[in-house]
Amino acid sequence: MARRPVLTGDIGGMAEKVRHNVDGLHFAAGDSESLADTMSRCLKEPALWARLAAGIPDILTVEEAVDLHRSLCFEGPLPPPATRNLWEAPWAEKVRAPKSSLVERGGD
């Protein structure tokens, strides 16, 4: 893994994901001087980049990500699988013609 610290504006999703002074740096969004100051800081503090890189968390394995999502979305085990086809709308079973009527009309 590359472990590259990120410079990001201080608003939005990236600002929520990147922890200021831990695994990246924030600058004032829309302020080019703030961005320039943040970039200058990276050049002037030799140990900063290595410290920020060390603060980047490990990437979750697929199994860890699934377990995390389960714990966030479900209190117990996963619900039973749906009985309908995944491409069908939940209400499709109610409006589907019985197979016997399709055979009578000669279709399938």
PDB file of N, CA and C in Angstrom:
ATOM      1  N   MET A   1       0.843  -1.176   0.000  1.00  0.00           N
ATOM      2  CA  MET A   1       0.000   0.000   0.000  1.00  0.00           C
ATOM      3  C   MET A   1       0.892   1.244   0.000  1.00  0.00           C
ATOM      4  N   ALA A   2       0.486   2.267  -0.702  1.00  0.00           N
ATOM      5  CA  ALA A   2       1.298   3.457  -0.895  1.00  0.00           C
ATOM      6  C   ALA A   2       1.440   4.305   0.366  1.00  0.00           C
ATOM      7  N   ARG A   3       0.387   4.414   1.180  1.00  0.00           N
ATOM      8  CA  ARG A   3       0.406   5.235   2.399  1.00  0.00           C
ATOM      9  C   ARG A   3       0.829   6.667   2.096  1.00  0.00           C
ATOM     10  N   ARG A   4       0.035   7.336   1.306  1.00  0.00           N
ATOM     11  CA  ARG A   4       0.284   8.733   0.954  1.00  0.00           C
ATOM     12  C   ARG A   4      -0.669   9.642   1.723  1.00  0.00           C
ATOM     13  N   PRO A   5      -0.146  10.542   2.546  1.00  0.00           N
ATOM     14  CA  PRO A   5      -1.003  11.505   3.226  1.00  0.00           C
ATOM     15  C   PRO A   5      -1.726  12.387   2.212  1.00  0.00           C
ATOM     16  N   VAL A   6      -2.857  12.932   2.630  1.00  0.00           N
ATOM     17  CA  VAL A   6      -3.703  13.715   1.738  1.00  0.00           C
ATOM     18  C   VAL A   6      -3.828  15.136   2.259  1.00  0.00           C
ATOM     19  N   LEU A   7      -3.756  16.088   1.335  1.00  0.00           N
ATOM     20  CA  LEU A   7      -4.088  17.475   1.640  1.00  0.00           C
ATOM     21  C   LEU A   7      -5.490  17.696   1.104  1.00  0.00           C
ATOM     22  N   THR A   8      -6.395  18.162   1.954  1.00  0.00           N
ATOM     23  CA  THR A   8      -7.778  18.319   1.526  1.00  0.00           C
ATOM     24  C   THR A   8      -8.394  19.569   2.133  1.00  0.00           C
ATOM     25  N   GLY A   9      -9.387  20.087   1.431  1.00  0.00           N
ATOM     26  CA  GLY A   9     -10.144  21.198   1.971  1.00  0.00           C
ATOM     27  C   GLY A   9     -10.849  20.778   3.260  1.00  0.00           C
ATOM     28  N   ASP A  10     -11.190  21.753   4.086  1.00  0.00           N
ATOM     29  CA  ASP A  10     -11.734  21.451   5.408  1.00  0.00           C
ATOM     30  C   ASP A  10     -13.250  21.268   5.437  1.00  0.00           C
ATOM     31  N   ILE A  11     -13.860  21.010   4.295  1.00  0.00           N
ATOM     32  CA  ILE A  11     -15.291  20.722   4.239  1.00  0.00           C
ATOM     33  C   ILE A  11     -15.519  19.486   3.385  1.00  0.00           C
ATOM     34  N   GLY A  12     -16.656  18.855   3.554  1.00  0.00           N
ATOM     35  CA  GLY A  12     -17.027  17.736   2.698  1.00  0.00           C
ATOM     36  C   GLY A  12     -16.510  16.399   3.179  1.00  0.00           C
ATOM     37  N   GLY A  13     -16.736  15.407   2.326  1.00  0.00           N
ATOM     38  CA  GLY A  13     -16.430  14.030   2.663  1.00  0.00           C
ATOM     39  C   GLY A  13     -14.963  13.752   2.933  1.00  0.00           C
ATOM     40  N   MET A  14     -14.085  14.335   2.159  1.00  0.00           N
ATOM     41  CA  MET A  14     -12.652  14.101   2.395  1.00  0.00           C
ATOM     42  C   MET A  14     -12.220  14.658   3.744  1.00  0.00           C
ATOM     43  N   ALA A  15     -12.758  15.802   4.136  1.00  0.00           N
ATOM     44  CA  ALA A  15     -12.411  16.376   5.440  1.00  0.00           C
ATOM     45  C   ALA A  15     -12.898  15.483   6.574  1.00  0.00           C
ATOM     46  N   GLU A  16     -13.992  14.763   6.330  1.00  0.00           N
ATOM     47  CA  GLU A  16     -14.482  13.829   7.340  1.00  0.00           C
ATOM     48  C   GLU A  16     -13.608  12.587   7.419  1.00  0.00           C
ATOM     49  N   LYS A  17     -13.070  12.164   6.302  1.00  0.00           N
ATOM     50  CA  LYS A  17     -12.270  10.942   6.258  1.00  0.00           C
ATOM     51  C   LYS A  17     -10.818  11.178   6.687  1.00  0.00           C
ATOM     52  N   VAL A  18     -10.248  12.296   6.251  1.00  0.00           N
ATOM     53  CA  VAL A  18      -8.848  12.605   6.564  1.00  0.00           C
ATOM     54  C   VAL A  18      -8.781  13.314   7.907  1.00  0.00           C
ATOM     55  N   ARG A  19      -8.007  12.752   8.822  1.00  0.00           N
ATOM     56  CA  ARG A  19      -7.869  13.334  10.161  1.00  0.00           C
ATOM     57  C   ARG A  19      -6.713  14.332  10.151  1.00  0.00           C
ATOM     58  N   HIS A  20      -7.032  15.596  10.424  1.00  0.00           N
ATOM     59  CA  HIS A  20      -6.034  16.667  10.375  1.00  0.00           C
ATOM     60  C   HIS A  20      -4.891  16.387  11.347  1.00  0.00           C
ATOM     61  N   ASN A  21      -3.684  16.464  10.838  1.00  0.00           N
ATOM     62  CA  ASN A  21      -2.451  16.238  11.604  1.00  0.00           C
ATOM     63  C   ASN A  21      -2.286  14.794  12.078  1.00  0.00           C
ATOM     64  N   VAL A  22      -3.099  13.876  11.579  1.00  0.00           N
ATOM     65  CA  VAL A  22      -2.949  12.468  11.929  1.00  0.00           C
ATOM     66  C   VAL A  22      -2.545  11.668  10.689  1.00  0.00           C
ATOM     67  N   ASP A  23      -3.370  11.748   9.618  1.00  0.00           N
ATOM     68  CA  ASP A  23      -3.056  11.033   8.380  1.00  0.00           C
ATOM     69  C   ASP A  23      -3.157  11.937   7.158  1.00  0.00           C
ATOM     70  N   GLY A  24      -3.234  13.226   7.391  1.00  0.00           N
ATOM     71  CA  GLY A  24      -3.306  14.205   6.313  1.00  0.00           C
ATOM     72  C   GLY A  24      -3.450  15.600   6.899  1.00  0.00           C
ATOM     73  N   LEU A  25      -3.611  16.562   6.028  1.00  0.00           N
ATOM     74  CA  LEU A  25      -3.743  17.950   6.474  1.00  0.00           C
ATOM     75  C   LEU A  25      -4.945  18.598   5.807  1.00  0.00           C
ATOM     76  N   HIS A  26      -5.622  19.450   6.562  1.00  0.00           N
ATOM     77  CA  HIS A  26      -6.740  20.227   6.025  1.00  0.00           C
ATOM     78  C   HIS A  26      -6.259  21.646   5.727  1.00  0.00           C
ATOM     79  N   PHE A  27      -6.857  22.253   4.726  1.00  0.00           N
ATOM     80  CA  PHE A  27      -6.653  23.677   4.463  1.00  0.00           C
ATOM     81  C   PHE A  27      -8.033  24.296   4.287  1.00  0.00           C
ATOM     82  N   ALA A  28      -8.115  25.601   4.413  1.00  0.00           N
ATOM     83  CA  ALA A  28      -9.399  26.282   4.279  1.00  0.00           C
ATOM     84  C   ALA A  28      -9.876  26.170   2.832  1.00  0.00           C
ATOM     85  N   ALA A  29     -11.030  25.553   2.650  1.00  0.00           N
ATOM     86  CA  ALA A  29     -11.575  25.359   1.302  1.00  0.00           C
ATOM     87  C   ALA A  29     -11.793  26.700   0.620  1.00  0.00           C
ATOM     88  N   GLY A  30     -11.373  26.781  -0.629  1.00  0.00           N
ATOM     89  CA  GLY A  30     -11.547  28.006  -1.407  1.00  0.00           C
ATOM     90  C   GLY A  30     -10.499  29.071  -1.136  1.00  0.00           C
ATOM     91  N   ASP A  31      -9.532  28.777  -0.285  1.00  0.00           N
ATOM     92  CA  ASP A  31      -8.505  29.757   0.092  1.00  0.00           C
ATOM     93  C   ASP A  31      -7.150  29.279  -0.441  1.00  0.00           C
ATOM     94  N   SER A  32      -6.724  29.858  -1.537  1.00  0.00           N
ATOM     95  CA  SER A  32      -5.472  29.411  -2.166  1.00  0.00           C
ATOM     96  C   SER A  32      -4.262  29.682  -1.271  1.00  0.00           C
ATOM     97  N   GLU A  33      -4.305  30.737  -0.467  1.00  0.00           N
ATOM     98  CA  GLU A  33      -3.192  31.005   0.458  1.00  0.00           C
ATOM     99  C   GLU A  33      -3.096  29.921   1.524  1.00  0.00           C
ATOM    100  N   SER A  34      -4.241  29.450   2.004  1.00  0.00           N
ATOM    101  CA  SER A  34      -4.239  28.376   2.989  1.00  0.00           C
ATOM    102  C   SER A  34      -3.656  27.096   2.390  1.00  0.00           C
ATOM    103  N   LEU A  35      -4.012  26.797   1.155  1.00  0.00           N
ATOM    104  CA  LEU A  35      -3.448  25.635   0.469  1.00  0.00           C
ATOM    105  C   LEU A  35      -1.942  25.801   0.309  1.00  0.00           C
ATOM    106  N   ALA A  36      -1.507  26.988  -0.115  1.00  0.00           N
ATOM    107  CA  ALA A  36      -0.070  27.244  -0.287  1.00  0.00           C
ATOM    108  C   ALA A  36       0.672  27.111   1.046  1.00  0.00           C
ATOM    109  N   ASP A  37       0.078  27.608   2.125  1.00  0.00           N
ATOM    110  CA  ASP A  37       0.698  27.487   3.449  1.00  0.00           C
ATOM    111  C   ASP A  37       0.820  26.030   3.872  1.00  0.00           C
ATOM    112  N   THR A  38      -0.223  25.253   3.595  1.00  0.00           N
ATOM    113  CA  THR A  38      -0.209  23.831   3.948  1.00  0.00           C
ATOM    114  C   THR A  38       0.859  23.094   3.140  1.00  0.00           C
ATOM    115  N   MET A  39       0.972  23.416   1.873  1.00  0.00           N
ATOM    116  CA  MET A  39       1.999  22.787   1.036  1.00  0.00           C
ATOM    117  C   MET A  39       3.392  23.199   1.496  1.00  0.00           C
ATOM    118  N   SER A  40       3.557  24.459   1.855  1.00  0.00           N
ATOM    119  CA  SER A  40       4.849  24.941   2.353  1.00  0.00           C
ATOM    120  C   SER A  40       5.230  24.219   3.642  1.00  0.00           C
ATOM    121  N   ARG A  41       4.240  24.011   4.506  1.00  0.00           N
ATOM    122  CA  ARG A  41       4.496  23.296   5.756  1.00  0.00           C
ATOM    123  C   ARG A  41       5.048  21.907   5.460  1.00  0.00           C
ATOM    124  N   CYS A  42       4.504  21.234   4.451  1.00  0.00           N
ATOM    125  CA  CYS A  42       4.997  19.903   4.083  1.00  0.00           C
ATOM    126  C   CYS A  42       6.460  19.948   3.653  1.00  0.00           C
ATOM    127  N   LEU A  43       6.859  21.020   2.988  1.00  0.00           N
ATOM    128  CA  LEU A  43       8.244  21.148   2.529  1.00  0.00           C
ATOM    129  C   LEU A  43       9.189  21.546   3.656  1.00  0.00           C
ATOM    130  N   LYS A  44       8.693  22.325   4.600  1.00  0.00           N
ATOM    131  CA  LYS A  44       9.542  22.868   5.670  1.00  0.00           C
ATOM    132  C   LYS A  44       9.721  21.915   6.844  1.00  0.00           C
ATOM    133  N   GLU A  45       8.799  20.991   7.035  1.00  0.00           N
ATOM    134  CA  GLU A  45       8.885  20.055   8.159  1.00  0.00           C
ATOM    135  C   GLU A  45       9.212  18.660   7.627  1.00  0.00           C
ATOM    136  N   PRO A  46      10.501  18.303   7.625  1.00  0.00           N
ATOM    137  CA  PRO A  46      10.922  17.038   7.006  1.00  0.00           C
ATOM    138  C   PRO A  46      10.247  15.794   7.595  1.00  0.00           C
ATOM    139  N   ALA A  47       9.993  15.762   8.874  1.00  0.00           N
ATOM    140  CA  ALA A  47       9.432  14.565   9.511  1.00  0.00           C
ATOM    141  C   ALA A  47       7.908  14.495   9.378  1.00  0.00           C
ATOM    142  N   LEU A  48       7.281  15.578   8.941  1.00  0.00           N
ATOM    143  CA  LEU A  48       5.823  15.636   8.889  1.00  0.00           C
ATOM    144  C   LEU A  48       5.234  14.563   7.983  1.00  0.00           C
ATOM    145  N   TRP A  49       5.750  14.436   6.765  1.00  0.00           N
ATOM    146  CA  TRP A  49       5.180  13.514   5.794  1.00  0.00           C
ATOM    147  C   TRP A  49       5.255  12.073   6.298  1.00  0.00           C
ATOM    148  N   ALA A  50       6.378  11.684   6.894  1.00  0.00           N
ATOM    149  CA  ALA A  50       6.534  10.324   7.424  1.00  0.00           C
ATOM    150  C   ALA A  50       5.587  10.096   8.601  1.00  0.00           C
ATOM    151  N   ARG A  51       5.413  11.094   9.455  1.00  0.00           N
ATOM    152  CA  ARG A  51       4.505  10.969  10.595  1.00  0.00           C
ATOM    153  C   ARG A  51       3.061  10.812  10.123  1.00  0.00           C
ATOM    154  N   LEU A  52       2.669  11.619   9.133  1.00  0.00           N
ATOM    155  CA  LEU A  52       1.313  11.514   8.602  1.00  0.00           C
ATOM    156  C   LEU A  52       1.100  10.157   7.928  1.00  0.00           C
ATOM    157  N   ALA A  53       2.090   9.686   7.191  1.00  0.00           N
ATOM    158  CA  ALA A  53       1.985   8.387   6.518  1.00  0.00           C
ATOM    159  C   ALA A  53       1.834   7.266   7.544  1.00  0.00           C
ATOM    160  N   ALA A  54       2.534   7.365   8.656  1.00  0.00           N
ATOM    161  CA  ALA A  54       2.440   6.342   9.703  1.00  0.00           C
ATOM    162  C   ALA A  54       1.060   6.347  10.363  1.00  0.00           C
ATOM    163  N   GLY A  55       0.357   7.472  10.295  1.00  0.00           N
ATOM    164  CA  GLY A  55      -0.959   7.567  10.900  1.00  0.00           C
ATOM    165  C   GLY A  55      -2.088   7.042  10.038  1.00  0.00           C
ATOM    166  N   ILE A  56      -1.788   6.645   8.810  1.00  0.00           N
ATOM    167  CA  ILE A  56      -2.825   6.118   7.916  1.00  0.00           C
ATOM    168  C   ILE A  56      -3.203   4.716   8.371  1.00  0.00           C
ATOM    169  N   PRO A  57      -4.497   4.477   8.614  1.00  0.00           N
ATOM    170  CA  PRO A  57      -4.908   3.148   9.087  1.00  0.00           C
ATOM    171  C   PRO A  57      -4.775   2.094   7.992  1.00  0.00           C
ATOM    172  N   ASP A  58      -4.661   0.844   8.424  1.00  0.00           N
ATOM    173  CA  ASP A  58      -4.600  -0.264   7.475  1.00  0.00           C
ATOM    174  C   ASP A  58      -5.927  -0.372   6.733  1.00  0.00           C
ATOM    175  N   ILE A  59      -5.860  -0.864   5.510  1.00  0.00           N
ATOM    176  CA  ILE A  59      -7.058  -1.093   4.717  1.00  0.00           C
ATOM    177  C   ILE A  59      -7.746  -2.351   5.238  1.00  0.00           C
ATOM    178  N   LEU A  60      -9.059  -2.297   5.377  1.00  0.00           N
ATOM    179  CA  LEU A  60      -9.814  -3.452   5.851  1.00  0.00           C
ATOM    180  C   LEU A  60      -9.818  -4.564   4.802  1.00  0.00           C
ATOM    181  N   THR A  61      -9.766  -5.797   5.279  1.00  0.00           N
ATOM    182  CA  THR A  61      -9.965  -6.919   4.372  1.00  0.00           C
ATOM    183  C   THR A  61     -11.458  -6.969   4.022  1.00  0.00           C
ATOM    184  N   VAL A  62     -11.814  -7.751   3.031  1.00  0.00           N
ATOM    185  CA  VAL A  62     -13.222  -7.892   2.653  1.00  0.00           C
ATOM    186  C   VAL A  62     -14.018  -8.422   3.851  1.00  0.00           C
ATOM    187  N   GLU A  63     -13.473  -9.417   4.537  1.00  0.00           N
ATOM    188  CA  GLU A  63     -14.167 -10.002   5.684  1.00  0.00           C
ATOM    189  C   GLU A  63     -14.374  -8.972   6.792  1.00  0.00           C
ATOM    190  N   GLU A  64     -13.356  -8.163   7.071  1.00  0.00           N
ATOM    191  CA  GLU A  64     -13.481  -7.117   8.097  1.00  0.00           C
ATOM    192  C   GLU A  64     -14.530  -6.079   7.704  1.00  0.00           C
ATOM    193  N   ALA A  65     -14.550  -5.718   6.418  1.00  0.00           N
ATOM    194  CA  ALA A  65     -15.527  -4.733   5.949  1.00  0.00           C
ATOM    195  C   ALA A  65     -16.947  -5.284   6.075  1.00  0.00           C
ATOM    196  N   VAL A  66     -17.133  -6.563   5.731  1.00  0.00           N
ATOM    197  CA  VAL A  66     -18.459  -7.181   5.850  1.00  0.00           C
ATOM    198  C   VAL A  66     -18.885  -7.206   7.316  1.00  0.00           C
ATOM    199  N   ASP A  67     -17.991  -7.616   8.199  1.00  0.00           N
ATOM    200  CA  ASP A  67     -18.318  -7.652   9.632  1.00  0.00           C
ATOM    201  C   ASP A  67     -18.671  -6.259  10.146  1.00  0.00           C
ATOM    202  N   LEU A  68     -17.932  -5.251   9.708  1.00  0.00           N
ATOM    203  CA  LEU A  68     -18.219  -3.885  10.133  1.00  0.00           C
ATOM    204  C   LEU A  68     -19.587  -3.438   9.639  1.00  0.00           C
ATOM    205  N   HIS A  69     -19.890  -3.691   8.374  1.00  0.00           N
ATOM    206  CA  HIS A  69     -21.194  -3.317   7.831  1.00  0.00           C
ATOM    207  C   HIS A  69     -22.324  -4.067   8.536  1.00  0.00           C
ATOM    208  N   ARG A  70     -22.117  -5.342   8.820  1.00  0.00           N
ATOM    209  CA  ARG A  70     -23.140  -6.102   9.551  1.00  0.00           C
ATOM    210  C   ARG A  70     -23.391  -5.490  10.918  1.00  0.00           C
ATOM    211  N   SER A  71     -22.321  -5.123  11.608  1.00  0.00           N
ATOM    212  CA  SER A  71     -22.500  -4.561  12.948  1.00  0.00           C
ATOM    213  C   SER A  71     -23.201  -3.203  12.895  1.00  0.00           C
ATOM    214  N   LEU A  72     -23.008  -2.471  11.813  1.00  0.00           N
ATOM    215  CA  LEU A  72     -23.664  -1.176  11.678  1.00  0.00           C
ATOM    216  C   LEU A  72     -25.115  -1.298  11.230  1.00  0.00           C
ATOM    217  N   CYS A  73     -25.424  -2.292  10.424  1.00  0.00           N
ATOM    218  CA  CYS A  73     -26.754  -2.396   9.819  1.00  0.00           C
ATOM    219  C   CYS A  73     -27.681  -3.380  10.519  1.00  0.00           C
ATOM    220  N   PHE A  74     -27.151  -4.387  11.157  1.00  0.00           N
ATOM    221  CA  PHE A  74     -27.978  -5.437  11.735  1.00  0.00           C
ATOM    222  C   PHE A  74     -27.531  -5.708  13.165  1.00  0.00           C
ATOM    223  N   GLU A  75     -28.479  -5.893  14.032  1.00  0.00           N
ATOM    224  CA  GLU A  75     -28.137  -6.232  15.410  1.00  0.00           C
ATOM    225  C   GLU A  75     -27.859  -7.726  15.545  1.00  0.00           C
ATOM    226  N   GLY A  76     -28.505  -8.535  14.721  1.00  0.00           N
ATOM    227  CA  GLY A  76     -28.331  -9.980  14.773  1.00  0.00           C
ATOM    228  C   GLY A  76     -27.747 -10.488  13.478  1.00  0.00           C
ATOM    229  N   PRO A  77     -28.015 -11.748  13.179  1.00  0.00           N
ATOM    230  CA  PRO A  77     -27.521 -12.304  11.906  1.00  0.00           C
ATOM    231  C   PRO A  77     -28.232 -11.660  10.725  1.00  0.00           C
ATOM    232  N   LEU A  78     -27.707 -11.898   9.565  1.00  0.00           N
ATOM    233  CA  LEU A  78     -28.319 -11.353   8.359  1.00  0.00           C
ATOM    234  C   LEU A  78     -29.731 -11.877   8.185  1.00  0.00           C
ATOM    235  N   PRO A  79     -30.615 -11.092   7.585  1.00  0.00           N
ATOM    236  CA  PRO A  79     -31.974 -11.570   7.340  1.00  0.00           C
ATOM    237  C   PRO A  79     -31.951 -12.687   6.297  1.00  0.00           C
ATOM    238  N   PRO A  80     -33.023 -13.501   6.252  1.00  0.00           N
ATOM    239  CA  PRO A  80     -33.040 -14.577   5.256  1.00  0.00           C
ATOM    240  C   PRO A  80     -33.031 -13.988   3.850  1.00  0.00           C
ATOM    241  N   PRO A  81     -32.498 -14.740   2.896  1.00  0.00           N
ATOM    242  CA  PRO A  81     -32.459 -14.224   1.520  1.00  0.00           C
ATOM    243  C   PRO A  81     -33.868 -14.033   0.968  1.00  0.00           C
ATOM    244  N   ALA A  82     -33.993 -13.092   0.070  1.00  0.00           N
ATOM    245  CA  ALA A  82     -35.287 -12.808  -0.550  1.00  0.00           C
ATOM    246  C   ALA A  82     -35.711 -13.981  -1.422  1.00  0.00           C
ATOM    247  N   THR A  83     -37.016 -14.203  -1.504  1.00  0.00           N
ATOM    248  CA  THR A  83     -37.515 -15.296  -2.342  1.00  0.00           C
ATOM    249  C   THR A  83     -37.738 -14.840  -3.773  1.00  0.00           C
ATOM    250  N   ARG A  84     -37.740 -13.545  -4.033  1.00  0.00           N
ATOM    251  CA  ARG A  84     -37.956 -13.039  -5.384  1.00  0.00           C
ATOM    252  C   ARG A  84     -36.617 -12.927  -6.108  1.00  0.00           C
ATOM    253  N   ASN A  85     -36.674 -12.835  -7.413  1.00  0.00           N
ATOM    254  CA  ASN A  85     -35.465 -12.602  -8.190  1.00  0.00           C
ATOM    255  C   ASN A  85     -34.975 -11.188  -7.914  1.00  0.00           C
ATOM    256  N   LEU A  86     -33.691 -10.996  -7.891  1.00  0.00           N
ATOM    257  CA  LEU A  86     -33.131  -9.693  -7.545  1.00  0.00           C
ATOM    258  C   LEU A  86     -33.534  -8.587  -8.515  1.00  0.00           C
ATOM    259  N   TRP A  87     -33.834  -8.958  -9.776  1.00  0.00           N
ATOM    260  CA  TRP A  87     -34.185  -7.924 -10.754  1.00  0.00           C
ATOM    261  C   TRP A  87     -35.665  -7.541 -10.678  1.00  0.00           C
ATOM    262  N   GLU A  88     -36.430  -8.239  -9.862  1.00  0.00           N
ATOM    263  CA  GLU A  88     -37.855  -7.950  -9.752  1.00  0.00           C
ATOM    264  C   GLU A  88     -38.131  -6.944  -8.643  1.00  0.00           C
ATOM    265  N   ALA A  89     -39.099  -6.122  -8.856  1.00  0.00           N
ATOM    266  CA  ALA A  89     -39.548  -5.198  -7.817  1.00  0.00           C
ATOM    267  C   ALA A  89     -40.241  -5.999  -6.719  1.00  0.00           C
ATOM    268  N   PRO A  90     -40.236  -5.483  -5.465  1.00  0.00           N
ATOM    269  CA  PRO A  90     -40.867  -6.212  -4.364  1.00  0.00           C
ATOM    270  C   PRO A  90     -42.345  -6.540  -4.613  1.00  0.00           C
ATOM    271  N   TRP A  91     -43.030  -5.752  -5.415  1.00  0.00           N
ATOM    272  CA  TRP A  91     -44.450  -5.948  -5.655  1.00  0.00           C
ATOM    273  C   TRP A  91     -44.729  -6.836  -6.869  1.00  0.00           C
ATOM    274  N   ALA A  92     -43.692  -7.331  -7.552  1.00  0.00           N
ATOM    275  CA  ALA A  92     -43.866  -8.076  -8.798  1.00  0.00           C
ATOM    276  C   ALA A  92     -44.693  -9.342  -8.605  1.00  0.00           C
ATOM    277  N   GLU A  93     -44.504 -10.044  -7.496  1.00  0.00           N
ATOM    278  CA  GLU A  93     -45.232 -11.292  -7.262  1.00  0.00           C
ATOM    279  C   GLU A  93     -46.742 -11.055  -7.248  1.00  0.00           C
ATOM    280  N   LYS A  94     -47.172  -9.920  -6.747  1.00  0.00           N
ATOM    281  CA  LYS A  94     -48.604  -9.622  -6.633  1.00  0.00           C
ATOM    282  C   LYS A  94     -49.260  -9.400  -7.991  1.00  0.00           C
ATOM    283  N   VAL A  95     -48.520  -8.917  -8.964  1.00  0.00           N
ATOM    284  CA  VAL A  95     -49.109  -8.590 -10.259  1.00  0.00           C
ATOM    285  C   VAL A  95     -48.773  -9.591 -11.363  1.00  0.00           C
ATOM    286  N   ARG A  96     -47.935 -10.579 -11.043  1.00  0.00           N
ATOM    287  CA  ARG A  96     -47.537 -11.554 -12.053  1.00  0.00           C
ATOM    288  C   ARG A  96     -48.725 -12.461 -12.387  1.00  0.00           C
ATOM    289  N   ALA A  97     -48.901 -12.749 -13.672  1.00  0.00           N
ATOM    290  CA  ALA A  97     -49.966 -13.650 -14.106  1.00  0.00           C
ATOM    291  C   ALA A  97     -49.602 -15.061 -13.713  1.00  0.00           C
ATOM    292  N   PRO A  98     -50.581 -15.856 -13.297  1.00  0.00           N
ATOM    293  CA  PRO A  98     -50.283 -17.261 -12.971  1.00  0.00           C
ATOM    294  C   PRO A  98     -49.769 -17.997 -14.211  1.00  0.00           C
ATOM    295  N   LYS A  99     -48.901 -18.984 -13.992  1.00  0.00           N
ATOM    296  CA  LYS A  99     -48.334 -19.731 -15.122  1.00  0.00           C
ATOM    297  C   LYS A  99     -49.418 -20.427 -15.931  1.00  0.00           C
ATOM    298  N   SER A 100     -50.482 -20.867 -15.290  1.00  0.00           N
ATOM    299  CA  SER A 100     -51.541 -21.572 -16.019  1.00  0.00           C
ATOM    300  C   SER A 100     -52.184 -20.667 -17.069  1.00  0.00           C
ATOM    301  N   SER A 101     -52.347 -19.383 -16.779  1.00  0.00           N
ATOM    302  CA  SER A 101     -52.946 -18.490 -17.769  1.00  0.00           C
ATOM    303  C   SER A 101     -51.992 -18.235 -18.929  1.00  0.00           C
ATOM    304  N   LEU A 102     -50.696 -18.309 -18.687  1.00  0.00           N
ATOM    305  CA  LEU A 102     -49.734 -18.132 -19.780  1.00  0.00           C
ATOM    306  C   LEU A 102     -49.760 -19.331 -20.711  1.00  0.00           C
ATOM    307  N   VAL A 103     -49.912 -20.515 -20.156  1.00  0.00           N
ATOM    308  CA  VAL A 103     -49.951 -21.726 -20.970  1.00  0.00           C
ATOM    309  C   VAL A 103     -51.210 -21.740 -21.826  1.00  0.00           C
ATOM    310  N   GLU A 104     -52.322 -21.333 -21.236  1.00  0.00           N
ATOM    311  CA  GLU A 104     -53.579 -21.323 -21.985  1.00  0.00           C
ATOM    312  C   GLU A 104     -53.499 -20.389 -23.190  1.00  0.00           C
ATOM    313  N   ARG A 105     -52.765 -19.274 -23.047  1.00  0.00           N
ATOM    314  CA  ARG A 105     -52.667 -18.325 -24.149  1.00  0.00           C
ATOM    315  C   ARG A 105     -51.556 -18.701 -25.125  1.00  0.00           C
ATOM    316  N   GLY A 106     -50.801 -19.744 -24.789  1.00  0.00           N
ATOM    317  CA  GLY A 106     -49.753 -20.192 -25.692  1.00  0.00           C
ATOM    318  C   GLY A 106     -48.406 -19.529 -25.433  1.00  0.00           C
ATOM    319  N   GLY A 107     -48.280 -18.766 -24.393  1.00  0.00           N
ATOM    320  CA  GLY A 107     -46.998 -18.133 -24.087  1.00  0.00           C
ATOM    321  C   GLY A 107     -46.322 -18.781 -22.899  1.00  0.00           C
ATOM    322  N   ASP A 108     -45.113 -18.302 -22.581  1.00  0.00           N
ATOM    323  CA  ASP A 108     -44.412 -18.798 -21.396  1.00  0.00           C
ATOM    324  C   ASP A 108     -43.550 -17.730 -20.820  1.00  0.00           C
TER     325      ASP A 108
END
